[in-house]
Amino acid sequence: MRVQANFADYVPLSLLLLAFAELQGRPVWLIHTLCAVLVVGRLVHGYGVSQVKEDFRLRVVGITLTFAVLVAAALSALVPSYI
């Protein structure tokens, strides 16, 4: 249950920020890279949490990647597109 709750907490905001970055005309490679990192982060986190003996390291890696996408997308939304 915690895997779905964590997903529901962070992924919608990440996708919204990525949509804002795309609407601002950010480079395609940036959007694709951030989306790929988000998917990998959520997969790693989900795998770590779903193990019978939970692997805390995988949870940390997964959430770190998710937060990295959140921060990068938020910063991208704050920086004017003409820079």
C-alpha atoms as a PDB file:
ATOM      1  CA  MET A   1       0.000   0.000   0.000  1.00  0.00           C
ATOM      2  CA  ARG A   2       2.853   2.409   0.770  1.00  0.00           C
ATOM      3  CA  VAL A   3       4.204   2.074  -2.789  1.00  0.00           C
ATOM      4  CA  GLN A   4       0.973   3.395  -4.277  1.00  0.00           C
ATOM      5  CA  ALA A   5       0.709   6.140  -1.674  1.00  0.00           C
ATOM      6  CA  ASN A   6       4.253   7.348  -2.365  1.00  0.00           C
ATOM      7  CA  PHE A   7       3.526   7.245  -6.085  1.00  0.00           C
ATOM      8  CA  ALA A   8       0.347   9.280  -5.614  1.00  0.00           C
ATOM      9  CA  ASP A   9       2.218  11.815  -3.461  1.00  0.00           C
ATOM     10  CA  TYR A  10       5.038  12.660  -5.843  1.00  0.00           C
ATOM     11  CA  VAL A  11       4.293  11.648  -9.432  1.00  0.00           C
ATOM     12  CA  PRO A  12       1.358  14.011 -10.158  1.00  0.00           C
ATOM     13  CA  LEU A  13       3.362  17.036  -9.014  1.00  0.00           C
ATOM     14  CA  SER A  14       6.374  15.857 -11.015  1.00  0.00           C
ATOM     15  CA  LEU A  15       4.274  15.420 -14.150  1.00  0.00           C
ATOM     16  CA  LEU A  16       2.686  18.839 -13.688  1.00  0.00           C
ATOM     17  CA  LEU A  17       6.092  20.496 -13.347  1.00  0.00           C
ATOM     18  CA  LEU A  18       7.362  18.596 -16.390  1.00  0.00           C
ATOM     19  CA  ALA A  19       4.324  19.794 -18.357  1.00  0.00           C
ATOM     20  CA  PHE A  20       5.127  23.381 -17.343  1.00  0.00           C
ATOM     21  CA  ALA A  21       8.715  22.901 -18.497  1.00  0.00           C
ATOM     22  CA  GLU A  22       7.491  21.579 -21.834  1.00  0.00           C
ATOM     23  CA  LEU A  23       5.064  24.479 -22.246  1.00  0.00           C
ATOM     24  CA  GLN A  24       7.923  26.900 -21.587  1.00  0.00           C
ATOM     25  CA  GLY A  25       9.786  25.416 -24.537  1.00  0.00           C
ATOM     26  CA  ARG A  26      12.543  23.630 -22.640  1.00  0.00           C
ATOM     27  CA  PRO A  27      14.745  21.378 -24.773  1.00  0.00           C
ATOM     28  CA  VAL A  28      13.284  17.993 -25.648  1.00  0.00           C
ATOM     29  CA  TRP A  29      16.358  16.197 -24.306  1.00  0.00           C
ATOM     30  CA  LEU A  30      15.787  17.779 -20.881  1.00  0.00           C
ATOM     31  CA  ILE A  31      12.137  16.732 -20.710  1.00  0.00           C
ATOM     32  CA  HIS A  32      12.936  13.193 -21.884  1.00  0.00           C
ATOM     33  CA  THR A  33      15.823  12.840 -19.458  1.00  0.00           C
ATOM     34  CA  LEU A  34      13.747  14.008 -16.510  1.00  0.00           C
ATOM     35  CA  CYS A  35      10.889  11.688 -17.467  1.00  0.00           C
ATOM     36  CA  ALA A  36      13.267   8.720 -17.795  1.00  0.00           C
ATOM     37  CA  VAL A  37      14.853   9.487 -14.413  1.00  0.00           C
ATOM     38  CA  LEU A  38      11.392   9.721 -12.854  1.00  0.00           C
ATOM     39  CA  VAL A  39      10.366   6.334 -14.266  1.00  0.00           C
ATOM     40  CA  VAL A  40      13.614   4.687 -13.155  1.00  0.00           C
ATOM     41  CA  GLY A  41      13.346   6.242  -9.706  1.00  0.00           C
ATOM     42  CA  ARG A  42       9.792   5.044  -9.191  1.00  0.00           C
ATOM     43  CA  LEU A  43      10.628   1.534 -10.439  1.00  0.00           C
ATOM     44  CA  VAL A  44      13.633   1.263  -8.128  1.00  0.00           C
ATOM     45  CA  HIS A  45      11.627   2.589  -5.189  1.00  0.00           C
ATOM     46  CA  GLY A  46       8.735   0.234  -5.882  1.00  0.00           C
ATOM     47  CA  TYR A  47      11.038  -2.753  -6.182  1.00  0.00           C
ATOM     48  CA  GLY A  48      12.802  -1.873  -2.934  1.00  0.00           C
ATOM     49  CA  VAL A  49       9.563  -1.507  -1.002  1.00  0.00           C
ATOM     50  CA  SER A  50       7.910  -4.634  -2.428  1.00  0.00           C
ATOM     51  CA  GLN A  51      10.596  -7.055  -1.246  1.00  0.00           C
ATOM     52  CA  VAL A  52       9.771  -9.357   1.654  1.00  0.00           C
ATOM     53  CA  LYS A  53      12.899  -8.104   3.380  1.00  0.00           C
ATOM     54  CA  GLU A  54      12.704  -4.466   2.347  1.00  0.00           C
ATOM     55  CA  ASP A  55      15.889  -3.076   0.803  1.00  0.00           C
ATOM     56  CA  PHE A  56      16.180   0.396   2.295  1.00  0.00           C
ATOM     57  CA  ARG A  57      19.005   1.366  -0.082  1.00  0.00           C
ATOM     58  CA  LEU A  58      16.728   0.943  -3.106  1.00  0.00           C
ATOM     59  CA  ARG A  59      14.067   3.070  -1.451  1.00  0.00           C
ATOM     60  CA  VAL A  60      16.616   5.817  -0.844  1.00  0.00           C
ATOM     61  CA  VAL A  61      17.895   5.697  -4.429  1.00  0.00           C
ATOM     62  CA  GLY A  62      14.350   5.759  -5.789  1.00  0.00           C
ATOM     63  CA  ILE A  63      13.172   8.682  -3.720  1.00  0.00           C
ATOM     64  CA  THR A  64      16.405  10.580  -4.371  1.00  0.00           C
ATOM     65  CA  LEU A  65      15.862  10.256  -8.116  1.00  0.00           C
ATOM     66  CA  THR A  66      12.237  11.339  -7.715  1.00  0.00           C
ATOM     67  CA  PHE A  67      13.214  14.392  -5.672  1.00  0.00           C
ATOM     68  CA  ALA A  68      15.952  15.241  -8.173  1.00  0.00           C
ATOM     69  CA  VAL A  69      13.310  15.381 -10.914  1.00  0.00           C
ATOM     70  CA  LEU A  70      11.038  17.511  -8.723  1.00  0.00           C
ATOM     71  CA  VAL A  71      13.824  19.980  -7.971  1.00  0.00           C
ATOM     72  CA  ALA A  72      15.085  20.152 -11.566  1.00  0.00           C
ATOM     73  CA  ALA A  73      11.583  20.646 -12.973  1.00  0.00           C
ATOM     74  CA  ALA A  74      10.765  23.286 -10.348  1.00  0.00           C
ATOM     75  CA  LEU A  75      13.973  25.184 -11.072  1.00  0.00           C
ATOM     76  CA  SER A  76      13.243  24.941 -14.771  1.00  0.00           C
ATOM     77  CA  ALA A  77       9.838  26.506 -14.175  1.00  0.00           C
ATOM     78  CA  LEU A  78      11.419  29.380 -12.228  1.00  0.00           C
ATOM     79  CA  VAL A  79      14.131  30.245 -14.748  1.00  0.00           C
ATOM     80  CA  PRO A  80      12.936  32.457 -17.606  1.00  0.00           C
ATOM     81  CA  SER A  81      12.953  30.687 -20.963  1.00  0.00           C
ATOM     82  CA  TYR A  82      15.017  33.397 -22.675  1.00  0.00           C
ATOM     83  CA  ILE A  83      18.117  32.581 -20.572  1.00  0.00           C
END
